[in-house]
Amino acid sequence: MKIILTGASGFIGSHLFLQLESLLSFEVLGLCRSQLADESNSKLLALGDLDQADVSALLSGANVFIHAAARVHIMRELSTDPLSDFRAVNTKVTLHLARQAAKEGVKRFIFLSSIKVNGESTSRGAPLTAFNQRSPEDPAGKSKSEAEEQLLALGKETGMEIVIIRPPLVYGEGVKANFASLMKLVGKGFPLPFRAINQNKRSLVSVYNLVDLIKVCIDHPKAANQVFLVSDDDDMSTSRMVALMAKAQGKANLSLPVPVWCFKLAGKLFRKEAVVDRLVGSLQLDIEHTKNTLDWAPPYSVEHGFALAATKKN
């Protein structure tokens, strides 16, 4: 089976590429924007910007196209028109590649979307499901939502099978952004004020569990034209997350019990409500549809994922 993978140099894509490349039953070609250090690997191809890329020749004989390349959520957005910038990559490029895949007879297109399509938060005890109405709030979520809608329409038009996977925060070895920053602070032994944030619930997914699900979706007959949510199936509070980070690095958990209301007040004073909401609020995913449809369960524990995330070299 021949597989085309975009974003092969990214965090998720690089983990997935290594897994697929190790399986004799798959012939995988990884596409990325920039040249990788290992230029001798003929299974990795740097194409530059994908918005103008003609990949039709590469699609000859391909069975599955996995699209993991994306413009991800940016905490310090500098763009004057972020929605247009997100659409240019997450919506337009996705459809540009999908149309080529359909034209060349690719059977299945797997799209790495985001739980942001469903929203940014949940009420305690009311997790998101794959059947909730789309409710994106920020440019990243809106661009992914639009891509999903257009992909499903393209699938109906052409017969190409569409599989959509919506992960929450993904972590593991090589993770960057806020997760890596918090892991580094915990590793330095700084006393952090998170012990009292113990009533919220957030779903995370290790890159190892996500990659395992993607592998199942490559050829599972029931995956066709489905939307799947994915997580470690072990939701946690911010307090527990920090404790796991400390344990993974062999450090004492020095979290201090600062009341949640203090964070909310600081968020209002400094106009950082969204940041505080992500810290003290909940975002839970119900993955029963994924588990039941695919007869799948996350094979790796959160302890496994946190331990490997701690091996990231800074």
Protein backbone atom coordinates (compact mmCIF):
# COMPACT_ATOMS: atom_id res chain seq x y z
CA MET A 1 0.00 0.00 0.00
CA LYS A 2 1.37 3.41 -1.00
CA ILE A 3 0.83 6.32 1.39
CA ILE A 4 1.51 10.02 0.87
CA LEU A 5 2.11 12.01 4.07
CA THR A 6 2.34 15.79 4.27
CA GLY A 7 3.92 17.54 7.23
CA ALA A 8 6.50 14.78 7.52
CA SER A 9 8.98 17.12 9.21
CA GLY A 10 6.49 18.39 11.78
CA PHE A 11 5.91 17.13 15.31
CA ILE A 12 3.07 14.72 14.52
CA GLY A 13 4.17 13.99 10.97
CA SER A 14 7.71 13.01 11.91
CA HIS A 15 6.48 10.49 14.49
CA LEU A 16 3.97 9.09 12.01
CA PHE A 17 6.53 8.90 9.20
CA LEU A 18 8.93 6.84 11.31
CA GLN A 19 6.16 4.43 12.28
CA LEU A 20 4.88 3.96 8.74
CA GLU A 21 8.37 3.64 7.30
CA SER A 22 9.10 0.77 9.68
CA LEU A 23 6.16 -1.29 8.41
CA LEU A 24 6.94 -3.50 5.42
CA SER A 25 3.32 -3.45 4.26
CA PHE A 26 3.48 0.30 3.57
CA GLU A 27 5.37 2.31 0.98
CA VAL A 28 5.41 5.83 2.40
CA LEU A 29 6.46 9.10 0.78
CA GLY A 30 6.80 12.04 3.18
CA LEU A 31 6.31 15.57 1.91
CA CYS A 32 7.47 18.66 3.78
CA ARG A 33 8.09 22.36 3.22
CA SER A 34 11.76 22.50 4.15
CA GLN A 35 14.61 20.11 3.45
CA LEU A 36 15.36 17.79 6.34
CA ALA A 37 18.82 17.13 7.73
CA ASP A 38 18.77 13.62 6.28
CA GLU A 39 18.82 14.47 2.60
CA SER A 40 19.86 10.93 1.74
CA ASN A 41 16.40 9.56 2.57
CA SER A 42 14.65 9.23 -0.78
CA LYS A 43 11.32 8.73 1.01
CA LEU A 44 11.33 12.36 2.18
CA LEU A 45 10.74 15.11 -0.33
CA ALA A 46 10.87 18.85 0.29
CA LEU A 47 8.33 20.66 -1.88
CA GLY A 48 8.39 24.13 -0.35
CA ASP A 49 5.03 25.84 0.00
CA LEU A 50 2.24 23.38 -0.76
CA ASP A 51 -0.27 25.95 -2.00
CA GLN A 52 1.20 25.82 -5.51
CA ALA A 53 2.60 22.29 -5.42
CA ASP A 54 1.67 19.89 -8.19
CA VAL A 55 1.85 16.47 -6.55
CA SER A 56 -0.07 14.58 -9.23
CA ALA A 57 3.02 12.71 -10.44
CA LEU A 58 3.81 11.61 -6.89
CA LEU A 59 0.30 10.25 -6.45
CA SER A 60 0.68 7.54 -9.08
CA GLY A 61 -0.36 4.28 -7.44
CA ALA A 62 -1.08 5.93 -4.08
CA ASN A 63 -3.88 4.43 -1.99
CA VAL A 64 -4.02 6.82 0.96
CA PHE A 65 -3.19 10.50 1.43
CA ILE A 66 -2.57 11.65 5.03
CA HIS A 67 -2.60 15.42 5.41
CA ALA A 68 -0.83 16.44 8.63
CA ALA A 69 0.68 19.74 7.43
CA ALA A 70 -1.04 22.76 8.96
CA ARG A 71 -0.74 26.25 10.36
CA VAL A 72 -1.25 25.63 14.05
CA HIS A 73 -2.65 27.87 16.77
CA ILE A 74 -0.24 30.72 17.50
CA MET A 75 -0.17 32.15 21.02
CA ARG A 76 1.44 35.46 20.00
CA GLU A 77 -0.27 36.20 16.72
CA LEU A 78 1.43 38.97 14.74
CA SER A 79 -0.66 38.77 11.59
CA THR A 80 -3.02 41.64 10.81
CA ASP A 81 -5.47 39.16 9.27
CA PRO A 82 -4.97 35.82 11.02
CA LEU A 83 -8.13 34.21 9.64
CA SER A 84 -6.96 34.74 6.05
CA ASP A 85 -3.53 33.35 6.93
CA PHE A 86 -5.02 30.26 8.57
CA ARG A 87 -7.41 29.74 5.65
CA ALA A 88 -4.56 30.00 3.15
CA VAL A 89 -2.85 26.98 4.71
CA ASN A 90 -5.47 24.95 6.56
CA THR A 91 -8.34 25.34 4.11
CA LYS A 92 -7.04 26.23 0.65
CA VAL A 93 -3.94 24.02 0.68
CA THR A 94 -5.96 21.09 2.05
CA LEU A 95 -8.47 21.32 -0.78
CA HIS A 96 -5.75 21.96 -3.37
CA LEU A 97 -4.10 18.66 -2.41
CA ALA A 98 -7.33 16.74 -1.93
CA ARG A 99 -8.57 17.62 -5.41
CA GLN A 100 -5.33 16.30 -6.89
CA ALA A 101 -5.63 13.14 -4.81
CA ALA A 102 -9.19 12.55 -5.98
CA LYS A 103 -8.27 13.18 -9.60
CA GLU A 104 -5.43 10.64 -9.41
CA GLY A 105 -7.66 7.96 -7.93
CA VAL A 106 -6.49 7.99 -4.30
CA LYS A 107 -8.99 5.91 -2.36
CA ARG A 108 -8.81 7.57 1.08
CA PHE A 109 -7.87 11.05 2.35
CA ILE A 110 -7.11 11.31 6.09
CA PHE A 111 -7.26 14.85 7.45
CA LEU A 112 -5.64 15.82 10.75
CA SER A 113 -8.08 18.43 11.99
CA SER A 114 -8.46 19.83 15.52
CA ILE A 115 -10.89 19.73 18.42
CA LYS A 116 -10.98 23.50 17.99
CA VAL A 117 -13.59 22.77 15.33
CA ASN A 118 -15.93 21.88 18.21
CA GLY A 119 -14.94 24.75 20.49
CA GLU A 120 -12.54 25.80 23.20
CA SER A 121 -14.14 24.50 26.39
CA THR A 122 -16.72 22.20 27.93
CA SER A 123 -18.86 22.17 31.04
CA ARG A 124 -17.87 19.60 33.65
CA GLY A 125 -19.52 16.29 32.80
CA ALA A 126 -20.55 17.37 29.28
CA PRO A 127 -17.70 16.25 27.00
CA LEU A 128 -17.64 16.92 23.27
CA THR A 129 -18.62 14.14 20.90
CA ALA A 130 -18.00 13.56 17.21
CA PHE A 131 -21.65 14.44 16.58
CA ASN A 132 -21.65 17.89 18.17
CA GLN A 133 -22.29 20.81 15.87
CA ARG A 134 -19.15 22.60 14.75
CA SER A 135 -18.57 25.66 16.89
CA PRO A 136 -15.08 27.04 16.20
CA GLU A 137 -14.15 30.23 18.01
CA ASP A 138 -10.74 31.26 16.71
CA PRO A 139 -9.13 31.49 13.25
CA ALA A 140 -7.36 28.14 13.60
CA GLY A 141 -10.60 26.34 14.43
CA LYS A 142 -12.59 28.15 11.75
CA SER A 143 -10.07 27.32 9.02
CA LYS A 144 -10.07 23.63 10.01
CA SER A 145 -13.87 23.57 10.15
CA GLU A 146 -14.14 25.03 6.65
CA ALA A 147 -11.61 22.49 5.38
CA GLU A 148 -13.65 19.65 6.87
CA GLU A 149 -16.87 20.82 5.24
CA GLN A 150 -15.25 21.21 1.83
CA LEU A 151 -13.48 17.85 2.10
CA LEU A 152 -16.71 16.03 2.90
CA ALA A 153 -18.38 17.73 -0.06
CA LEU A 154 -15.47 16.72 -2.30
CA GLY A 155 -15.76 13.16 -1.06
CA LYS A 156 -19.44 13.01 -1.97
CA GLU A 157 -18.67 14.47 -5.39
CA THR A 158 -15.75 12.20 -6.27
CA GLY A 159 -16.22 9.06 -4.18
CA MET A 160 -12.89 9.51 -2.39
CA GLU A 161 -13.23 8.36 1.22
CA ILE A 162 -12.69 11.12 3.78
CA VAL A 163 -11.51 10.41 7.32
CA ILE A 164 -11.33 13.31 9.78
CA ILE A 165 -9.49 13.09 13.09
CA ARG A 166 -9.85 15.84 15.69
CA PRO A 167 -7.18 15.69 18.41
CA PRO A 168 -6.88 17.97 21.44
CA LEU A 169 -3.44 19.07 22.66
CA VAL A 170 -0.86 16.56 21.40
CA TYR A 171 2.27 15.88 23.44
CA GLY A 172 5.27 13.56 23.44
CA GLU A 173 8.97 13.64 22.60
CA GLY A 174 9.72 16.77 20.61
CA VAL A 175 6.61 18.68 21.71
CA LYS A 176 6.93 22.46 21.68
CA ALA A 177 4.87 25.52 22.67
CA ASN A 178 3.13 25.80 26.05
CA PHE A 179 3.42 22.14 27.04
CA ALA A 180 7.20 22.21 26.55
CA SER A 181 7.51 25.53 28.41
CA LEU A 182 5.56 24.23 31.39
CA MET A 183 7.53 20.98 31.37
CA LYS A 184 10.76 22.98 31.46
CA LEU A 185 9.58 25.12 34.39
CA VAL A 186 8.56 22.05 36.36
CA GLY A 187 11.91 20.44 35.56
CA LYS A 188 13.78 23.46 36.92
CA GLY A 189 12.07 22.99 40.27
CA PHE A 190 10.25 26.31 40.34
CA PRO A 191 7.29 26.46 42.76
CA LEU A 192 4.26 26.84 40.49
CA PRO A 193 0.81 28.02 41.65
CA PHE A 194 -1.29 25.19 40.22
CA ARG A 195 -2.07 22.77 43.06
CA ALA A 196 -5.58 24.16 43.64
CA ILE A 197 -6.58 23.81 39.97
CA ASN A 198 -7.80 20.28 40.63
CA GLN A 199 -11.45 20.34 39.62
CA ASN A 200 -11.11 20.98 35.88
CA LYS A 201 -10.82 18.17 33.35
CA ARG A 202 -8.87 18.32 30.11
CA SER A 203 -8.38 15.69 27.44
CA LEU A 204 -4.90 15.32 25.98
CA VAL A 205 -3.48 12.80 23.54
CA SER A 206 0.07 11.53 23.30
CA VAL A 207 1.50 11.52 19.81
CA TYR A 208 1.96 7.75 20.24
CA ASN A 209 -1.76 7.16 20.75
CA LEU A 210 -2.61 9.55 17.91
CA VAL A 211 -0.22 7.79 15.52
CA ASP A 212 -1.69 4.44 16.50
CA LEU A 213 -5.19 5.67 15.63
CA ILE A 214 -4.04 7.11 12.30
CA LYS A 215 -2.52 3.74 11.41
CA VAL A 216 -5.84 2.04 12.13
CA CYS A 217 -7.69 4.59 9.97
CA ILE A 218 -5.47 3.86 6.97
CA ASP A 219 -7.33 0.72 5.99
CA HIS A 220 -10.16 0.13 8.46
CA PRO A 221 -13.34 -0.27 6.37
CA LYS A 222 -15.54 1.47 8.97
CA ALA A 223 -13.35 4.58 9.05
CA ALA A 224 -14.59 5.81 5.67
CA ASN A 225 -16.39 9.16 5.76
CA GLN A 226 -16.27 9.38 9.55
CA VAL A 227 -15.22 12.02 12.06
CA PHE A 228 -13.23 10.73 15.02
CA LEU A 229 -12.26 12.41 18.27
CA VAL A 230 -9.14 11.07 19.94
CA SER A 231 -7.58 11.33 23.39
CA ASP A 232 -5.66 9.27 25.93
CA ASP A 233 -9.07 8.48 27.48
CA ASP A 234 -7.66 9.66 30.81
CA ASP A 235 -8.71 13.26 31.40
CA MET A 236 -6.81 15.26 33.98
CA SER A 237 -6.81 18.46 35.98
CA THR A 238 -4.08 21.05 35.64
CA SER A 239 -2.85 20.04 39.09
CA ARG A 240 -2.48 16.40 38.05
CA MET A 241 -0.79 17.38 34.79
CA VAL A 242 1.89 19.32 36.66
CA ALA A 243 2.33 16.42 39.10
CA LEU A 244 2.85 14.03 36.18
CA MET A 245 5.40 16.40 34.64
CA ALA A 246 7.32 16.46 37.90
CA LYS A 247 7.22 12.68 38.27
CA ALA A 248 8.36 12.16 34.67
CA GLN A 249 11.43 14.29 35.35
CA GLY A 250 12.19 12.85 38.77
CA LYS A 251 11.38 16.15 40.48
CA ALA A 252 9.39 17.00 43.59
CA ASN A 253 5.95 18.49 42.93
CA LEU A 254 6.31 22.00 44.35
CA SER A 255 2.95 23.34 43.21
CA LEU A 256 1.38 25.92 45.53
CA PRO A 257 -2.38 26.05 46.32
CA VAL A 258 -3.25 29.44 44.83
CA PRO A 259 -7.09 29.72 44.61
CA VAL A 260 -8.67 29.57 41.16
CA TRP A 261 -10.39 32.93 41.67
CA CYS A 262 -6.95 34.57 41.80
CA PHE A 263 -6.20 33.33 38.28
CA LYS A 264 -9.56 34.56 36.99
CA LEU A 265 -9.03 37.98 38.57
CA ALA A 266 -5.55 38.24 37.08
CA GLY A 267 -6.96 37.26 33.69
CA LYS A 268 -9.45 40.12 33.79
CA LEU A 269 -6.91 42.66 35.04
CA PHE A 270 -4.36 41.80 32.37
CA ARG A 271 -6.87 40.96 29.62
CA LYS A 272 -5.68 37.38 29.46
CA GLU A 273 -9.02 35.66 30.02
CA ALA A 274 -8.46 33.18 27.19
CA VAL A 275 -5.11 32.11 28.62
CA VAL A 276 -6.60 31.68 32.08
CA ASP A 277 -9.58 29.76 30.70
CA ARG A 278 -7.22 27.21 29.14
CA LEU A 279 -5.44 26.89 32.47
CA VAL A 280 -8.41 26.54 34.84
CA GLY A 281 -11.20 25.43 32.51
CA SER A 282 -12.23 22.07 31.09
CA LEU A 283 -12.07 20.62 27.59
CA GLN A 284 -13.19 16.99 27.57
CA LEU A 285 -13.62 14.66 24.61
CA ASP A 286 -15.87 11.64 24.48
CA ILE A 287 -14.10 9.08 22.26
CA GLU A 288 -16.66 6.27 22.53
CA HIS A 289 -17.59 6.62 18.85
CA THR A 290 -13.94 6.18 17.89
CA LYS A 291 -13.46 3.20 20.18
CA ASN A 292 -16.66 1.42 19.18
CA THR A 293 -16.47 2.07 15.43
CA LEU A 294 -12.83 1.04 15.05
CA ASP A 295 -12.60 -1.45 17.92
CA TRP A 296 -9.73 0.69 19.15
CA ALA A 297 -8.46 1.89 22.51
CA PRO A 298 -5.43 4.06 23.31
CA PRO A 299 -2.56 1.58 23.77
CA TYR A 300 -0.31 3.91 25.76
CA SER A 301 -0.81 5.46 29.20
CA VAL A 302 -0.42 9.13 30.03
CA GLU A 303 2.57 8.19 32.17
CA HIS A 304 4.22 6.71 29.06
CA GLY A 305 3.58 9.87 27.04
CA PHE A 306 4.77 12.24 29.77
CA ALA A 307 7.95 10.23 30.32
CA LEU A 308 8.84 10.49 26.63
CA ALA A 309 7.88 14.16 26.50
CA ALA A 310 10.39 14.73 29.30
CA THR A 311 13.18 13.38 27.09
CA LYS A 312 12.94 16.40 24.78
CA LYS A 313 16.32 18.09 24.55
CA ASN A 314 16.19 21.80 25.17
